[in-house]
C-alpha atoms as a PDB file:
ATOM      1  CA  MET A   1     -18.301  10.299 -14.633  1.00  0.00           C
ATOM      2  CA  LEU A   2     -15.744   8.040 -12.954  1.00  0.00           C
ATOM      3  CA  ALA A   3     -13.731   5.574 -15.017  1.00  0.00           C
ATOM      4  CA  GLY A   4     -10.504   3.643 -14.849  1.00  0.00           C
ATOM      5  CA  ALA A   5      -7.503   5.290 -16.481  1.00  0.00           C
ATOM      6  CA  GLU A   6      -5.892   3.819 -19.582  1.00  0.00           C
ATOM      7  CA  PRO A   7      -2.472   4.661 -21.049  1.00  0.00           C
ATOM      8  CA  ARG A   8      -4.235   6.764 -23.719  1.00  0.00           C
ATOM      9  CA  HIS A   9      -5.279   9.162 -20.915  1.00  0.00           C
ATOM     10  CA  ALA A  10      -1.668   9.837 -19.900  1.00  0.00           C
ATOM     11  CA  GLU A  11      -1.321  13.225 -21.627  1.00  0.00           C
ATOM     12  CA  THR A  12      -4.491  14.665 -20.074  1.00  0.00           C
ATOM     13  CA  VAL A  13      -3.708  13.230 -16.643  1.00  0.00           C
ATOM     14  CA  HIS A  14      -0.151  14.560 -16.867  1.00  0.00           C
ATOM     15  CA  ALA A  15      -1.388  18.030 -17.878  1.00  0.00           C
ATOM     16  CA  LEU A  16      -3.841  18.160 -14.947  1.00  0.00           C
ATOM     17  CA  ARG A  17      -1.159  16.986 -12.509  1.00  0.00           C
ATOM     18  CA  GLN A  18       1.189  19.698 -13.802  1.00  0.00           C
ATOM     19  CA  GLU A  19      -1.518  22.330 -13.235  1.00  0.00           C
ATOM     20  CA  VAL A  20      -2.076  21.197  -9.657  1.00  0.00           C
ATOM     21  CA  LEU A  21       1.669  20.947  -8.954  1.00  0.00           C
ATOM     22  CA  ALA A  22       2.168  24.468 -10.340  1.00  0.00           C
ATOM     23  CA  GLU A  23      -0.034  25.782  -7.526  1.00  0.00           C
ATOM     24  CA  GLY A  24       2.858  24.808  -5.255  1.00  0.00           C
ATOM     25  CA  ARG A  25       0.807  24.118  -2.129  1.00  0.00           C
ATOM     26  CA  TYR A  26      -0.561  20.599  -2.045  1.00  0.00           C
ATOM     27  CA  PHE A  27       2.182  18.181  -3.122  1.00  0.00           C
ATOM     28  CA  LEU A  28       5.873  17.688  -2.459  1.00  0.00           C
ATOM     29  CA  SER A  29       6.608  17.440  -6.182  1.00  0.00           C
ATOM     30  CA  THR A  30       7.027  20.431  -8.444  1.00  0.00           C
ATOM     31  CA  PRO A  31       6.096  20.625 -12.121  1.00  0.00           C
ATOM     32  CA  ASP A  32       8.436  18.864 -14.513  1.00  0.00           C
ATOM     33  CA  HIS A  33       7.434  19.386 -18.128  1.00  0.00           C
ATOM     34  CA  SER A  34       9.870  16.860 -19.565  1.00  0.00           C
ATOM     35  CA  ALA A  35       8.804  14.064 -21.876  1.00  0.00           C
ATOM     36  CA  GLU A  36      10.266  11.681 -19.292  1.00  0.00           C
ATOM     37  CA  ALA A  37       7.659  12.797 -16.732  1.00  0.00           C
ATOM     38  CA  LEU A  38       4.893  12.094 -19.262  1.00  0.00           C
ATOM     39  CA  SER A  39       6.311   8.626 -19.884  1.00  0.00           C
ATOM     40  CA  ARG A  40       6.298   8.005 -16.111  1.00  0.00           C
ATOM     41  CA  THR A  41       2.593   8.935 -16.012  1.00  0.00           C
ATOM     42  CA  ARG A  42       1.857   6.551 -18.876  1.00  0.00           C
ATOM     43  CA  HIS A  43       3.850   3.812 -17.142  1.00  0.00           C
ATOM     44  CA  ALA A  44       2.095   4.412 -13.795  1.00  0.00           C
ATOM     45  CA  ILE A  45      -1.319   4.071 -15.445  1.00  0.00           C
ATOM     46  CA  TYR A  46      -0.193   0.833 -17.089  1.00  0.00           C
ATOM     47  CA  GLU A  47       1.263  -0.539 -13.829  1.00  0.00           C
ATOM     48  CA  HIS A  48      -1.891   0.268 -11.858  1.00  0.00           C
ATOM     49  CA  GLY A  49      -3.953  -1.540 -14.478  1.00  0.00           C
ATOM     50  CA  ALA A  50      -1.717  -4.603 -14.210  1.00  0.00           C
ATOM     51  CA  ASP A  51      -1.902  -4.819 -10.394  1.00  0.00           C
ATOM     52  CA  PRO A  52      -5.284  -6.018  -9.105  1.00  0.00           C
ATOM     53  CA  GLN A  53      -4.556  -4.315  -5.771  1.00  0.00           C
ATOM     54  CA  SER A  54      -4.033  -0.880  -7.309  1.00  0.00           C
ATOM     55  CA  LEU A  55      -6.429   1.600  -8.864  1.00  0.00           C
ATOM     56  CA  TYR A  56      -6.058   4.628 -11.150  1.00  0.00           C
ATOM     57  CA  LEU A  57      -9.429   6.365 -11.357  1.00  0.00           C
ATOM     58  CA  LEU A  58     -10.409   9.417 -13.419  1.00  0.00           C
ATOM     59  CA  ALA A  59     -13.246  11.865 -12.901  1.00  0.00           C
ATOM     60  CA  ARG A  60     -14.282  13.298 -16.262  1.00  0.00           C
ATOM     61  CA  SER A  61     -16.909  15.680 -17.511  1.00  0.00           C
ATOM     62  CA  GLN A  62     -17.571  16.066 -21.226  1.00  0.00           C
ATOM     63  CA  GLY A  63     -14.322  14.246 -21.959  1.00  0.00           C
ATOM     64  CA  VAL A  64     -12.200  16.533 -19.756  1.00  0.00           C
ATOM     65  CA  VAL A  65     -10.261  14.981 -16.867  1.00  0.00           C
ATOM     66  CA  LEU A  66     -11.072  17.024 -13.743  1.00  0.00           C
ATOM     67  CA  GLY A  67      -9.730  14.735 -11.039  1.00  0.00           C
ATOM     68  CA  VAL A  68      -7.583  11.683 -10.425  1.00  0.00           C
ATOM     69  CA  LEU A  69      -7.375   9.163  -7.606  1.00  0.00           C
ATOM     70  CA  THR A  70      -4.655   6.564  -7.284  1.00  0.00           C
ATOM     71  CA  LEU A  71      -4.524   3.705  -4.829  1.00  0.00           C
ATOM     72  CA  SER A  72      -1.082   2.107  -4.902  1.00  0.00           C
ATOM     73  CA  CYS A  73      -0.203  -1.123  -3.179  1.00  0.00           C
ATOM     74  CA  PRO A  74       3.482  -1.347  -2.195  1.00  0.00           C
ATOM     75  CA  PRO A  75       5.397  -4.236  -3.799  1.00  0.00           C
ATOM     76  CA  VAL A  76       6.771  -5.370  -0.423  1.00  0.00           C
ATOM     77  CA  PRO A  77       4.889  -8.534   0.628  1.00  0.00           C
ATOM     78  CA  ARG A  78       4.556  -7.435   4.264  1.00  0.00           C
ATOM     79  CA  LEU A  79       2.784  -4.251   3.109  1.00  0.00           C
ATOM     80  CA  ARG A  80       0.396  -5.796   0.581  1.00  0.00           C
ATOM     81  CA  HIS A  81      -2.498  -5.303   3.025  1.00  0.00           C
ATOM     82  CA  LEU A  82      -2.467  -1.529   2.527  1.00  0.00           C
ATOM     83  CA  VAL A  83      -2.828   0.958  -0.273  1.00  0.00           C
ATOM     84  CA  ARG A  84      -1.563   4.521  -0.445  1.00  0.00           C
ATOM     85  CA  LEU A  85      -4.035   7.106  -1.632  1.00  0.00           C
ATOM     86  CA  GLU A  86      -3.329  10.193  -3.718  1.00  0.00           C
ATOM     87  CA  VAL A  87      -5.983  12.474  -5.161  1.00  0.00           C
ATOM     88  CA  PHE A  88      -5.842  15.689  -7.123  1.00  0.00           C
ATOM     89  CA  VAL A  89      -8.616  17.825  -8.583  1.00  0.00           C
ATOM     90  CA  ALA A  90      -8.517  20.740 -11.031  1.00  0.00           C
ATOM     91  CA  ALA A  91      -8.706  24.093  -9.223  1.00  0.00           C
ATOM     92  CA  ASP A  92     -11.944  25.156 -10.932  1.00  0.00           C
ATOM     93  CA  ALA A  93     -13.624  21.818 -10.056  1.00  0.00           C
ATOM     94  CA  ARG A  94     -12.890  21.937  -6.312  1.00  0.00           C
ATOM     95  CA  GLY A  95     -15.660  22.366  -3.769  1.00  0.00           C
ATOM     96  CA  GLN A  96     -18.183  20.508  -5.929  1.00  0.00           C
ATOM     97  CA  GLY A  97     -17.867  17.061  -4.344  1.00  0.00           C
ATOM     98  CA  LEU A  98     -15.534  15.639  -6.981  1.00  0.00           C
ATOM     99  CA  GLY A  99     -12.706  14.840  -4.545  1.00  0.00           C
ATOM    100  CA  ARG A 100     -15.196  13.305  -2.106  1.00  0.00           C
ATOM    101  CA  GLY A 101     -16.644  11.157  -4.887  1.00  0.00           C
ATOM    102  CA  LEU A 102     -13.203   9.964  -5.928  1.00  0.00           C
ATOM    103  CA  VAL A 103     -12.146   9.103  -2.366  1.00  0.00           C
ATOM    104  CA  GLN A 104     -15.465   7.388  -1.601  1.00  0.00           C
ATOM    105  CA  SER A 105     -15.106   5.324  -4.777  1.00  0.00           C
ATOM    106  CA  GLY A 106     -11.601   4.384  -3.683  1.00  0.00           C
ATOM    107  CA  ILE A 107     -12.873   3.316  -0.257  1.00  0.00           C
ATOM    108  CA  THR A 108     -15.634   1.228  -1.853  1.00  0.00           C
ATOM    109  CA  TRP A 109     -13.104  -0.376  -4.193  1.00  0.00           C
ATOM    110  CA  ALA A 110     -10.745  -1.178  -1.281  1.00  0.00           C
ATOM    111  CA  ILE A 111     -13.558  -2.728   0.776  1.00  0.00           C
ATOM    112  CA  ALA A 112     -14.247  -5.106  -2.126  1.00  0.00           C
ATOM    113  CA  HIS A 113     -10.634  -6.359  -2.023  1.00  0.00           C
ATOM    114  CA  PRO A 114     -10.324  -8.697   0.974  1.00  0.00           C
ATOM    115  CA  ARG A 115      -6.503  -8.474   1.132  1.00  0.00           C
ATOM    116  CA  ILE A 116      -6.654  -4.709   1.666  1.00  0.00           C
ATOM    117  CA  HIS A 117      -7.109  -3.661   5.287  1.00  0.00           C
ATOM    118  CA  LYS A 118      -5.802  -0.092   5.360  1.00  0.00           C
ATOM    119  CA  LEU A 119      -5.785   3.089   3.276  1.00  0.00           C
ATOM    120  CA  SER A 120      -3.045   5.611   4.051  1.00  0.00           C
ATOM    121  CA  LEU A 121      -2.112   9.062   2.812  1.00  0.00           C
ATOM    122  CA  ALA A 122      -0.046  12.139   3.577  1.00  0.00           C
ATOM    123  CA  VAL A 123      -1.447  15.670   3.438  1.00  0.00           C
ATOM    124  CA  MET A 124       0.019  19.077   4.223  1.00  0.00           C
ATOM    125  CA  ALA A 125      -1.116  20.268   7.650  1.00  0.00           C
ATOM    126  CA  ASP A 126      -2.316  23.597   6.256  1.00  0.00           C
ATOM    127  CA  ASN A 127      -4.510  21.950   3.596  1.00  0.00           C
ATOM    128  CA  VAL A 128      -7.603  22.432   5.765  1.00  0.00           C
ATOM    129  CA  ARG A 129     -10.044  21.482   3.032  1.00  0.00           C
ATOM    130  CA  ALA A 130      -8.371  18.115   2.393  1.00  0.00           C
ATOM    131  CA  LEU A 131      -7.975  17.393   6.123  1.00  0.00           C
ATOM    132  CA  SER A 132     -11.697  18.062   6.603  1.00  0.00           C
ATOM    133  CA  LEU A 133     -12.598  15.765   3.703  1.00  0.00           C
ATOM    134  CA  TYR A 134     -10.417  12.904   4.922  1.00  0.00           C
ATOM    135  CA  THR A 135     -11.596  13.250   8.528  1.00  0.00           C
ATOM    136  CA  SER A 136     -15.235  13.177   7.385  1.00  0.00           C
ATOM    137  CA  LEU A 137     -14.476   9.879   5.604  1.00  0.00           C
ATOM    138  CA  ASP A 138     -13.065   8.281   8.782  1.00  0.00           C
ATOM    139  CA  PHE A 139      -9.371   8.858   8.138  1.00  0.00           C
ATOM    140  CA  ARG A 140      -7.507   9.540  11.357  1.00  0.00           C
ATOM    141  CA  GLU A 141      -4.201  11.238  11.978  1.00  0.00           C
ATOM    142  CA  GLU A 142      -1.500   8.668  12.719  1.00  0.00           C
ATOM    143  CA  GLY A 143       1.425  11.018  12.884  1.00  0.00           C
ATOM    144  CA  ARG A 144       2.866  14.348  11.903  1.00  0.00           C
ATOM    145  CA  ARG A 145       6.225  15.137  10.377  1.00  0.00           C
ATOM    146  CA  ILE A 146       6.999  18.525  11.864  1.00  0.00           C
ATOM    147  CA  GLY A 147       8.779  20.938   9.506  1.00  0.00           C
ATOM    148  CA  GLU A 148       9.051  18.194   6.888  1.00  0.00           C
ATOM    149  CA  VAL A 149       8.687  20.509   3.900  1.00  0.00           C
ATOM    150  CA  ARG A 150      10.836  23.582   3.325  1.00  0.00           C
ATOM    151  CA  GLU A 151       9.436  26.129   0.898  1.00  0.00           C
ATOM    152  CA  ALA A 152      11.620  28.319  -1.319  1.00  0.00           C
ATOM    153  CA  ASP A 153      11.199  31.236   1.131  1.00  0.00           C
ATOM    154  CA  GLY A 154      12.406  29.053   4.031  1.00  0.00           C
ATOM    155  CA  THR A 155       8.959  28.468   5.528  1.00  0.00           C
ATOM    156  CA  LEU A 156       8.596  25.037   7.093  1.00  0.00           C
ATOM    157  CA  ARG A 157       5.370  23.060   6.725  1.00  0.00           C
ATOM    158  CA  ASP A 158       4.155  19.944   8.512  1.00  0.00           C
ATOM    159  CA  ASP A 159       3.111  16.773   6.719  1.00  0.00           C
ATOM    160  CA  VAL A 160       0.220  14.852   8.325  1.00  0.00           C
ATOM    161  CA  LEU A 161       0.026  11.064   7.999  1.00  0.00           C
ATOM    162  CA  MET A 162      -3.550   9.757   7.950  1.00  0.00           C
ATOM    163  CA  ALA A 163      -5.138   6.342   7.547  1.00  0.00           C
ATOM    164  CA  ARG A 164      -8.373   4.408   7.865  1.00  0.00           C
ATOM    165  CA  SER A 165      -9.234   0.743   8.102  1.00  0.00           C
ATOM    166  CA  VAL A 166     -11.393  -0.903   5.481  1.00  0.00           C
END
């Protein structure tokens, strides 16, 4: 079931995000278990709800949050025609179409907002599953930041910039 996030969901959303970040492969951020990080999650949910050009969507099953999609519109007036997409799904819920459903819902939502003309995102170049999903939904590579991310062992990873028109 997909539903908009509310500040009361902050703890569950934060816990899921921490789980995904702990995997250490898909996002630039690392887990931060401080109360401040939880308050930022709560604030982000509130801010998305207050901005008609932003979306914070949850995928839940039996009350458990399994995935999250955010579409964030930059506050800069010259960029208000685009939204930045971020999605994360619980490890045990991947490969079941949940991420696809979240992204498709985000695309549908963006199409219904006439001021929005572009969805953009960044994804690690070795995240083959995500690249395949985004490509299948008409996102195209717009650029690549070579060696953008340095892992603890010194390995460098590329960050791929993708976008699609709506």
